[in-house]
Protein backbone atom coordinates (compact mmCIF):
# COMPACT_ATOMS: atom_id res chain seq x y z
CA UNK A 1 80.48 71.08 -9.07
CA UNK A 2 78.41 73.31 -10.34
CA UNK A 3 79.61 76.11 -12.77
CA UNK A 4 78.29 79.70 -13.14
CA UNK A 5 76.64 80.06 -16.68
CA UNK A 6 78.86 82.94 -18.63
CA UNK A 7 77.34 86.43 -19.23
CA UNK A 8 78.81 87.81 -22.21
CA UNK A 9 78.13 92.07 -23.14
CA UNK A 10 76.02 93.07 -26.02
CA UNK A 11 78.37 95.21 -28.26
CA UNK A 12 77.08 98.63 -29.55
CA UNK A 13 76.33 98.74 -33.06
CA UNK A 14 78.62 101.76 -33.31
CA UNK A 15 81.36 99.68 -32.51
CA UNK A 16 81.19 97.16 -34.80
CA UNK A 17 82.49 98.97 -37.62
CA UNK A 18 86.00 99.33 -39.05
CA UNK A 19 88.62 99.61 -35.34
CA UNK A 20 90.07 102.32 -34.43
CA UNK A 21 93.71 101.53 -33.33
CA UNK A 22 95.35 100.30 -36.54
CA UNK A 23 97.22 97.03 -37.47
CA UNK A 24 99.94 98.26 -37.26
CA UNK A 25 99.67 98.75 -32.79
CA UNK A 26 98.18 95.69 -32.74
CA UNK A 27 101.52 93.51 -34.54
CA UNK A 28 103.95 96.15 -32.25
CA UNK A 29 102.07 95.06 -29.63
CA UNK A 30 102.55 91.32 -30.32
CA UNK A 31 105.86 91.85 -30.99
CA UNK A 32 106.23 93.63 -27.37
CA UNK A 33 104.65 90.47 -25.82
CA UNK A 34 106.57 88.74 -27.76
CA UNK A 35 109.94 89.89 -25.83
CA UNK A 36 108.48 90.24 -21.91
CA UNK A 37 107.78 86.40 -22.46
CA UNK A 38 110.54 85.72 -23.34
CA UNK A 39 112.19 87.95 -20.92
CA UNK A 40 109.94 86.47 -17.93
CA UNK A 41 110.91 83.16 -19.38
CA UNK A 42 114.39 83.63 -19.16
CA UNK A 43 114.55 85.01 -15.87
CA UNK A 44 111.85 82.23 -14.30
CA UNK A 45 114.95 79.06 -15.36
CA UNK A 46 117.30 81.66 -14.09
CA UNK A 47 115.40 81.55 -11.34
CA UNK A 48 115.00 77.84 -10.29
CA UNK A 49 119.05 78.29 -11.18
CA UNK A 50 120.07 80.34 -8.27
CA UNK A 51 117.23 78.25 -6.21
CA UNK A 52 118.94 74.45 -6.81
CA UNK A 53 122.23 76.60 -6.01
CA UNK A 54 121.39 78.37 -3.09
CA UNK A 55 119.52 75.24 -1.98
CA UNK A 56 123.17 73.46 -2.67
CA UNK A 57 125.19 76.03 -0.92
CA UNK A 58 122.75 75.60 2.22
CA UNK A 59 123.39 71.83 2.61
CA UNK A 60 126.62 72.16 2.18
CA UNK A 61 126.99 74.13 5.00
CA UNK A 62 128.59 77.25 2.79
CA UNK A 63 125.66 80.14 3.58
């Protein structure tokens, strides 16, 4: 299997100065992303439990 070389776009000089978005915005975004990730993990665990219960109900003939 051959890999394709990655091509990175050049960043214009005007973009290398100070960021236009305050650092506090990034920090808030990190918090939101972490909360979302925790919610996703919770829902995945809950889904797995429901799948297990569903499978058990089907085996028992109650569904």
